[in-house]
Protein backbone atom coordinates (compact mmCIF):
# COMPACT_ATOMS: atom_id res chain seq x y z
CA MET A 1 0.05 0.11 0.16
CA CYS A 2 2.60 2.58 0.56
CA SER A 3 3.97 1.66 -3.06
CA LEU A 4 1.38 4.44 -3.49
CA TRP A 5 3.40 7.09 -1.90
CA LEU A 6 6.56 5.69 -3.21
CA LEU A 7 5.89 6.15 -6.13
CA LEU A 8 5.49 10.65 -5.36
CA ASP A 9 8.75 9.90 -3.48
CA SER A 10 10.28 8.48 -6.64
CA LEU A 11 9.13 11.67 -9.16
CA THR A 12 10.29 14.55 -6.20
CA GLY A 13 13.31 11.96 -4.70
CA ASP A 14 12.15 13.70 -1.46
CA GLU A 15 11.41 12.05 1.60
CA THR A 16 9.58 15.15 2.63
CA ASP A 17 6.95 14.16 0.00
CA SER A 18 5.40 11.27 1.96
CA PRO A 19 2.61 10.92 4.56
CA ARG A 20 5.18 11.02 7.89
CA GLY A 21 7.26 14.15 6.42
CA ARG A 22 3.78 15.88 5.62
CA LEU A 23 2.69 15.16 9.06
CA TYR A 24 5.73 16.22 10.28
CA TYR A 25 5.26 20.20 9.04
CA MET A 26 1.57 20.09 9.81
CA ARG A 27 2.94 19.47 13.21
CA LEU A 28 5.41 22.17 13.33
CA LEU A 29 3.17 24.38 11.28
CA ALA A 30 0.56 23.65 14.36
CA GLU A 31 3.16 24.38 16.89
CA GLY A 32 4.44 27.80 15.27
CA ARG A 33 7.77 26.30 15.13
CA ILE A 34 8.51 26.77 11.32
CA ASP A 35 6.47 29.20 9.00
CA PRO A 36 4.28 28.69 5.85
CA ASN A 37 7.06 29.24 3.34
CA GLU A 38 7.03 28.00 -0.04
CA SER A 39 8.81 25.26 0.35
CA VAL A 40 6.63 23.87 2.89
CA LEU A 41 3.77 24.59 0.87
CA THR A 42 4.59 22.55 -2.07
CA HIS A 43 5.72 19.76 -0.21
CA LEU A 44 1.96 19.96 1.07
CA ASP A 45 0.52 20.66 -1.93
CA ARG A 46 1.62 17.57 -3.61
CA CYS A 47 -0.30 15.62 -1.88
CA LEU A 48 -3.39 13.36 -3.55
CA GLU A 49 -5.36 13.25 -0.86
CA CYS A 50 -5.91 9.90 -1.47
CA ARG A 51 -5.84 8.30 2.19
CA ALA A 52 -3.98 5.28 0.88
CA CYS A 53 -1.82 6.51 4.68
CA GLU A 54 -4.81 5.81 6.19
CA THR A 55 -5.53 2.16 5.41
CA ALA A 56 -1.98 1.11 5.91
CA CYS A 57 -1.04 3.17 9.11
CA PRO A 58 -1.55 0.71 12.16
CA SER A 59 -1.73 3.84 14.61
CA GLY A 60 -5.44 4.67 12.59
CA VAL A 61 -3.81 8.24 12.04
CA ARG A 62 -6.38 10.35 10.50
CA TYR A 63 -4.37 12.10 7.97
CA GLY A 64 -7.29 13.39 5.40
CA PHE A 65 -9.11 15.14 8.61
CA LEU A 66 -5.59 16.71 9.94
CA SER A 67 -4.65 17.30 6.47
CA GLU A 68 -8.45 19.34 5.28
CA LEU A 69 -7.35 21.28 8.94
CA THR A 70 -3.83 22.53 8.23
CA ARG A 71 -5.07 23.49 4.36
CA SER A 72 -7.69 25.27 6.24
CA GLN A 73 -5.80 27.55 7.93
CA LEU A 74 -3.38 27.81 5.27
CA ALA A 75 -6.22 28.76 2.76
CA LYS A 76 -7.13 31.55 5.31
CA GLN A 77 -3.81 32.87 5.46
CA GLY A 78 -3.86 33.27 1.14
CA LYS A 79 -1.62 29.93 1.18
CA GLY A 80 -4.09 27.54 0.03
CA PRO A 81 -3.31 25.25 -2.74
CA THR A 82 -4.73 27.76 -5.46
CA ARG A 83 -2.57 30.76 -4.14
CA LYS A 84 -0.77 30.52 -7.60
CA SER A 85 -3.63 31.00 -9.81
CA ALA A 86 -6.25 33.35 -9.52
CA LEU A 87 -8.05 31.89 -12.46
CA GLN A 88 -7.76 28.39 -10.81
CA ALA A 89 -8.88 29.45 -7.72
CA PHE A 90 -11.71 30.98 -9.55
CA LEU A 91 -12.88 27.78 -11.35
CA ILE A 92 -12.55 26.06 -8.16
CA ARG A 93 -14.75 27.70 -5.97
CA HIS A 94 -17.18 29.97 -7.67
CA ILE A 95 -17.87 27.48 -11.69
CA LEU A 96 -16.93 23.74 -10.20
CA PRO A 97 -19.48 23.23 -7.33
CA TYR A 98 -22.45 25.09 -9.50
CA PRO A 99 -24.07 22.98 -12.04
CA ASN A 100 -25.30 26.27 -13.92
CA ARG A 101 -22.02 27.95 -14.17
CA LEU A 102 -20.30 25.23 -15.12
CA GLU A 103 -22.80 24.84 -17.99
CA ILE A 104 -22.21 27.89 -19.28
CA LEU A 105 -18.21 27.02 -19.01
CA MET A 106 -18.67 23.90 -20.65
CA LEU A 107 -20.65 25.85 -23.69
CA PRO A 108 -17.89 25.60 -25.92
CA LEU A 109 -16.33 22.11 -25.43
CA ARG A 110 -20.41 21.47 -25.97
CA ILE A 111 -19.85 22.75 -29.57
CA ALA A 112 -16.75 21.55 -30.26
CA GLN A 113 -17.55 18.08 -29.35
CA VAL A 114 -20.75 18.25 -31.51
CA LEU A 115 -18.45 20.13 -34.77
CA LYS A 116 -15.72 17.59 -33.73
CA VAL A 117 -13.46 20.18 -33.30
CA THR A 118 -12.43 20.01 -29.89
CA GLU A 119 -8.50 20.44 -30.62
CA LEU A 120 -8.96 23.63 -31.32
CA LEU A 121 -10.04 24.37 -27.58
CA ASN A 122 -6.01 23.55 -26.65
CA PHE A 123 -5.48 27.50 -27.87
CA ILE A 124 -7.91 28.60 -25.30
CA PRO A 125 -5.62 28.33 -21.94
CA PRO A 126 -8.57 27.58 -19.56
CA LEU A 127 -10.35 25.09 -21.52
CA ALA A 128 -7.02 23.35 -22.81
CA ARG A 129 -6.57 20.98 -20.05
CA VAL A 130 -10.44 20.29 -19.08
CA SER A 131 -11.55 20.00 -22.58
CA ASN A 132 -9.00 17.02 -22.55
CA MET A 133 -10.27 15.23 -19.19
CA VAL A 134 -14.70 15.58 -20.53
CA PRO A 135 -15.89 12.45 -22.00
CA PRO A 136 -18.68 13.37 -24.69
CA LEU A 137 -20.87 15.25 -22.43
CA PRO A 138 -24.22 14.51 -22.86
CA SER A 139 -27.46 15.89 -23.82
CA ASN A 140 -28.74 19.16 -22.48
CA SER A 141 -32.07 17.44 -21.52
CA LEU A 142 -30.47 14.57 -19.45
CA ARG A 143 -29.84 17.20 -16.51
CA ARG A 144 -33.59 17.39 -16.20
CA LEU A 145 -34.14 14.56 -13.99
CA PRO A 146 -37.71 13.97 -12.85
CA GLU A 147 -38.38 14.24 -9.01
CA THR A 148 -39.44 10.89 -8.82
CA PHE A 149 -38.57 7.32 -10.22
CA PRO A 150 -41.28 4.89 -8.78
CA ALA A 151 -39.87 1.69 -8.07
CA LYS A 152 -40.56 -1.53 -10.58
CA ASN A 153 -42.49 -4.05 -8.34
CA GLU A 154 -42.41 -4.22 -4.62
CA ARG A 155 -40.82 -1.25 -3.24
CA LYS A 156 -38.13 -2.23 -0.90
CA LEU A 157 -36.98 1.33 0.05
CA ARG A 158 -37.76 5.10 -0.67
CA VAL A 159 -34.29 6.56 -1.43
CA GLY A 160 -32.45 10.05 -2.30
CA LEU A 161 -30.03 10.68 -5.00
CA LEU A 162 -27.71 13.41 -5.02
CA THR A 163 -26.96 14.64 -8.46
CA GLY A 164 -23.93 16.10 -7.32
CA CYS A 165 -21.92 19.07 -9.34
CA VAL A 166 -20.01 18.65 -11.90
CA ASN A 167 -20.98 14.91 -11.88
CA SER A 168 -25.04 16.50 -13.19
CA VAL A 169 -23.25 18.42 -16.32
CA VAL A 170 -20.27 15.66 -17.68
CA LEU A 171 -22.26 12.52 -16.08
CA SER A 172 -26.09 13.63 -16.12
CA ARG A 173 -26.32 10.21 -18.27
CA THR A 174 -24.89 8.56 -15.22
CA ASN A 175 -27.48 10.07 -12.66
CA TRP A 176 -30.34 8.33 -14.71
CA SER A 177 -28.80 5.34 -15.24
CA ALA A 178 -28.22 4.75 -11.37
CA ALA A 179 -31.93 6.62 -10.63
CA GLU A 180 -33.39 3.11 -13.37
CA VAL A 181 -31.35 0.28 -11.82
CA LEU A 182 -32.27 1.77 -8.12
CA ALA A 183 -36.02 1.84 -9.54
CA ALA A 184 -36.03 -1.58 -11.01
CA ALA A 185 -34.20 -3.07 -7.74
CA GLY A 186 -36.85 -1.79 -6.08
CA CYS A 187 -36.08 1.50 -4.57
CA GLU A 188 -38.51 4.68 -4.97
CA VAL A 189 -35.91 7.33 -5.99
CA VAL A 190 -36.48 10.66 -4.87
CA ILE A 191 -34.21 13.38 -6.40
CA PRO A 192 -34.51 16.28 -4.73
CA GLN A 193 -34.95 19.41 -7.15
CA ASN A 194 -32.06 22.31 -6.81
CA GLN A 195 -30.04 20.44 -4.50
CA GLY A 196 -26.27 21.90 -4.75
CA CYS A 197 -22.65 20.77 -3.97
CA CYS A 198 -21.82 18.35 -1.38
CA GLY A 199 -18.85 20.63 -0.45
CA SER A 200 -16.20 18.35 -0.92
CA ILE A 201 -14.13 20.18 -3.34
CA LEU A 202 -13.97 23.18 -1.16
CA LEU A 203 -13.25 21.12 1.66
CA HIS A 204 -10.10 19.31 0.53
CA ILE A 205 -8.51 22.67 -0.91
CA GLY A 206 -9.40 24.48 2.16
CA HIS A 207 -12.38 26.81 1.88
CA TYR A 208 -13.91 24.93 5.35
CA ASP A 209 -16.50 27.54 5.81
CA GLU A 210 -17.64 27.53 2.14
CA ALA A 211 -17.93 24.03 2.43
CA LYS A 212 -19.49 23.80 5.70
CA LYS A 213 -22.37 26.32 4.13
CA LEU A 214 -22.98 23.67 1.00
CA ALA A 215 -22.90 21.30 3.34
CA ARG A 216 -25.61 22.98 5.08
CA GLN A 217 -27.73 23.79 2.56
CA LEU A 218 -27.81 20.45 1.02
CA VAL A 219 -28.69 18.62 4.49
CA LEU A 220 -31.97 20.98 4.63
CA THR A 221 -32.85 20.16 0.82
CA PHE A 222 -33.04 16.54 1.61
CA ALA A 223 -34.92 17.48 4.74
CA ARG A 224 -37.85 18.59 2.69
CA TYR A 225 -37.87 14.98 1.16
CA GLU A 226 -38.13 12.87 4.48
CA PRO A 227 -38.88 10.17 5.10
CA LEU A 228 -35.84 8.77 2.91
CA ASP A 229 -34.14 5.46 4.04
CA ALA A 230 -30.96 6.15 2.54
CA VAL A 231 -29.15 8.86 0.38
CA VAL A 232 -27.69 7.57 -2.82
CA VAL A 233 -24.13 9.01 -4.11
CA THR A 234 -22.51 7.69 -6.98
CA ALA A 235 -19.62 9.93 -6.39
CA ALA A 236 -16.88 8.37 -3.99
CA GLY A 237 -15.25 11.81 -3.09
CA CYS A 238 -18.58 13.26 -2.01
CA GLY A 239 -19.95 10.17 0.04
CA ALA A 240 -16.88 10.57 2.18
CA THR A 241 -17.59 14.04 2.63
CA MET A 242 -21.27 13.67 3.44
CA LYS A 243 -20.67 10.30 5.93
CA ASP A 244 -18.74 13.07 7.64
CA TYR A 245 -21.71 15.81 8.13
CA GLY A 246 -22.22 14.57 11.52
CA HIS A 247 -18.02 16.08 12.26
CA LEU A 248 -18.47 19.10 9.63
CA LEU A 249 -21.94 20.59 10.97
CA ALA A 250 -21.30 19.79 15.00
CA ASP A 251 -20.82 23.35 15.73
CA GLU A 252 -24.10 24.39 14.19
CA PRO A 253 -26.84 23.41 17.26
CA ASP A 254 -29.53 24.41 14.02
CA VAL A 255 -28.69 21.55 11.81
CA ALA A 256 -26.23 19.44 13.59
CA GLU A 257 -28.65 16.44 14.36
CA LEU A 258 -30.24 16.85 10.82
CA ALA A 259 -26.67 16.30 9.76
CA LYS A 260 -25.85 13.45 11.78
CA ASN A 261 -29.46 11.82 11.03
CA PHE A 262 -28.37 12.64 7.32
CA ALA A 263 -25.10 11.25 7.14
CA ALA A 264 -25.92 8.15 8.72
CA LYS A 265 -28.00 7.51 5.75
CA VAL A 266 -25.67 8.20 3.38
CA LYS A 267 -25.01 5.44 1.13
CA ASP A 268 -22.48 4.65 -2.30
CA PHE A 269 -24.43 3.13 -4.96
CA CYS A 270 -22.57 0.08 -4.68
CA GLU A 271 -22.62 -0.11 -1.57
CA LEU A 272 -26.27 -0.16 -1.24
CA LEU A 273 -27.16 -2.20 -4.55
CA ASP A 274 -24.88 -4.85 -2.41
CA GLU A 275 -27.29 -5.10 0.07
CA ILE A 276 -30.77 -5.14 -1.41
CA GLY A 277 -29.51 -7.12 -4.41
CA LEU A 278 -29.70 -6.76 -7.90
CA PRO A 279 -32.85 -6.97 -10.62
CA PHE A 280 -32.80 -10.22 -11.95
CA PRO A 281 -32.92 -11.49 -15.09
CA LEU A 282 -30.02 -9.11 -16.39
CA ARG A 283 -29.03 -8.91 -20.24
CA PRO A 284 -25.55 -11.19 -20.37
CA LEU A 285 -22.91 -8.62 -21.70
CA ASN A 286 -19.69 -10.34 -23.13
CA TRP A 287 -17.18 -8.17 -21.90
CA ARG A 288 -13.51 -8.80 -20.49
CA VAL A 289 -13.85 -5.97 -17.84
CA THR A 290 -11.92 -4.28 -15.21
CA TYR A 291 -12.15 -2.26 -12.18
CA HIS A 292 -10.27 1.06 -10.93
CA ASP A 293 -10.80 1.44 -6.97
CA PRO A 294 -11.73 5.51 -6.27
CA CYS A 295 -9.27 6.85 -3.57
CA HIS A 296 -12.35 7.80 -1.55
CA LEU A 297 -14.52 4.57 -2.11
CA ALA A 298 -11.69 2.08 -0.70
CA HIS A 299 -9.63 4.19 1.30
CA GLY A 300 -12.10 6.68 2.53
CA GLN A 301 -15.20 4.31 3.10
CA ASN A 302 -13.58 0.70 2.84
CA ILE A 303 -16.02 0.02 -0.02
CA ARG A 304 -13.85 -2.74 -2.29
CA GLU A 305 -15.54 -5.54 -2.57
CA GLN A 306 -19.07 -4.54 -3.29
CA PRO A 307 -18.47 -3.29 -7.10
CA ARG A 308 -16.54 -6.36 -7.82
CA ARG A 309 -19.49 -8.55 -6.64
CA LEU A 310 -21.97 -6.52 -8.69
CA ILE A 311 -19.50 -6.45 -11.88
CA ARG A 312 -19.35 -10.45 -11.37
CA GLN A 313 -23.24 -10.83 -11.29
CA VAL A 314 -23.51 -9.44 -14.93
CA PRO A 315 -24.09 -12.87 -16.67
CA GLY A 316 -21.36 -13.06 -19.87
CA VAL A 317 -18.86 -10.86 -18.07
CA GLU A 318 -15.24 -11.90 -17.80
CA PHE A 319 -13.85 -9.90 -14.63
CA VAL A 320 -10.52 -9.51 -14.72
CA GLU A 321 -8.45 -8.01 -11.46
CA LEU A 322 -6.43 -4.48 -12.20
CA PRO A 323 -2.91 -4.34 -10.86
CA GLU A 324 -2.65 -1.62 -8.18
CA SER A 325 -6.35 -1.15 -8.62
CA ASP A 326 -6.60 0.70 -5.60
CA TRP A 327 -3.42 3.10 -6.46
CA CYS A 328 -4.54 6.88 -6.88
CA CYS A 329 -5.43 7.49 -10.72
CA GLY A 330 -3.75 10.97 -10.39
CA GLY A 331 -7.23 12.63 -10.50
CA GLY A 332 -7.38 13.33 -6.89
CA GLY A 333 -10.21 15.96 -6.50
CA ALA A 334 -8.47 19.32 -8.42
CA TYR A 335 -5.39 17.57 -8.36
CA SER A 336 -4.85 17.22 -12.11
CA LEU A 337 -5.66 20.56 -12.56
CA LEU A 338 -3.41 21.99 -9.73
CA GLN A 339 -0.37 19.69 -10.28
CA PRO A 340 -0.71 18.14 -13.82
CA GLU A 341 2.66 16.93 -14.11
CA PHE A 342 2.59 14.65 -11.44
CA SER A 343 -1.01 14.17 -11.91
CA GLU A 344 -0.02 12.89 -15.41
CA ALA A 345 3.28 10.82 -14.30
CA ILE A 346 0.62 8.90 -12.13
CA LEU A 347 -2.19 8.55 -14.77
CA ASP A 348 0.44 7.02 -16.71
CA ARG A 349 1.11 4.39 -14.38
CA LYS A 350 -2.82 3.69 -14.26
CA ILE A 351 -2.87 3.38 -18.56
CA ALA A 352 -0.13 0.72 -18.20
CA ASN A 353 -1.81 -1.26 -16.54
CA ILE A 354 -5.21 -0.95 -17.77
CA LYS A 355 -3.29 -2.19 -20.80
CA ALA A 356 -2.04 -5.05 -19.12
CA THR A 357 -5.29 -6.47 -18.26
CA GLY A 358 -6.28 -6.48 -21.93
CA ALA A 359 -9.66 -5.42 -20.91
CA ASP A 360 -12.48 -3.86 -23.09
CA VAL A 361 -14.09 -1.69 -20.90
CA VAL A 362 -12.63 -0.09 -17.63
CA VAL A 363 -15.57 0.00 -14.43
CA THR A 364 -15.06 2.64 -11.94
CA ALA A 365 -17.35 4.76 -9.51
CA ASN A 366 -16.25 8.32 -9.52
CA ILE A 367 -16.20 11.36 -11.51
CA VAL A 368 -13.13 12.63 -11.16
CA CYS A 369 -11.38 8.99 -12.02
CA ILE A 370 -13.55 8.86 -14.86
CA MET A 371 -12.13 12.26 -16.25
CA GLN A 372 -9.12 11.42 -15.49
CA ILE A 373 -8.47 7.77 -17.15
CA TRP A 374 -10.83 9.24 -19.90
CA CYS A 375 -8.07 11.64 -20.43
CA GLY A 376 -4.91 9.14 -20.12
CA ILE A 377 -7.52 6.74 -22.56
CA LYS A 378 -7.71 9.59 -25.18
CA LYS A 379 -3.98 10.30 -24.77
CA HIS A 380 -2.79 6.78 -25.84
CA ARG A 381 -5.32 6.15 -28.39
CA LEU A 382 -6.86 3.17 -26.53
CA ASN A 383 -9.73 1.32 -28.22
CA ILE A 384 -11.35 0.74 -24.75
CA ARG A 385 -14.77 1.56 -23.11
CA LEU A 386 -14.61 3.66 -20.16
CA MET A 387 -18.20 3.27 -17.77
CA HIS A 388 -19.14 4.31 -14.29
CA ILE A 389 -20.81 1.63 -12.93
CA ALA A 390 -24.05 2.27 -12.66
CA ASP A 391 -23.77 3.09 -16.80
CA PHE A 392 -22.61 -0.86 -16.51
CA LEU A 393 -25.40 -2.21 -14.83
CA LYS A 394 -27.56 0.20 -16.77
CA ALA A 395 -26.98 -1.99 -19.45
CA ALA A 396 -27.26 -5.08 -18.09
CA LEU A 397 -30.93 -4.24 -17.51
CA PRO A 398 -33.52 -6.03 -19.56
CA LEU A 399 -34.45 -4.18 -22.48
CA GLY A 400 -38.33 -3.02 -22.44
């Protein structure tokens, strides 16, 4: 497990680019024994926030929590991960968490994809890297999900579905797939209207107060649709954050109990389906399939076997394990935007492992992983299909 950060160490040749080194800096900063100079900040910024060190640590050190706390203090001093680029700071803080704003930003890409001239966007700096990370955008009409998907046959549960911020624009087709699969499995699926960002991307880069505001709004939005048996999430990073809302909002008396109850209901899409069972019979998919573990699913939520069990239940599938499956793909929230050199080096290793499987289809369960791996598939011109597990299972539902 420690090999993941040893890979980053090997890229820099510096032991301070390890969890131990960063924890040491965090402690010195907290005790006021060092100043947050550029050298210190650089080592902290290089962290993927993958939380693999938490899985490996025998002492149970909550590295992710400590890192977010440190970044929050640094961001208040104007020394957060986006300090070097006002454009990146604006994009991450004021565009990505807001679907309507993000849709406007994506308009040139949407047009370029239709006209098959996306390479022209490489001459527009704000869009260059983003355009290479975004799979073909779904129709705008797919963003408008109905408020309810009734359960097929006998209703087992009534669940709420998070549509997400980036998800609702880039993977709106996946939201439909998730709702249809859950409905087929016996869930009445409620999709709260005008729901917003969960706050995870802002929390990870240190904007703690802004993240809390978004979390609070989301809790209150879903509260209007109670009773719910579960709140289903298709993005691993969002789910990991939402499961911690009880802690995040503990100091806000008017929503603290609501947040605690909300957090207890949060379930990853794979987690819930594994509990209630897939709808049967399923259509056979004669594909060779491999699976990439999103960091915040495997390390943040300890959900590893559930997606594999779901994939293996589809008739005709030949499942092959991905070497270093739970190593980060280099996406790491906003890491691919903030640390492109390291991100690409880590991605290249992930793509080499994917090629080694001989898979026709790569399945994963997180928006950032899909965008990052798509970038690698495109760069290496691979004839491999990339799917969110919700879309994969939707393909296995009976026709009609």
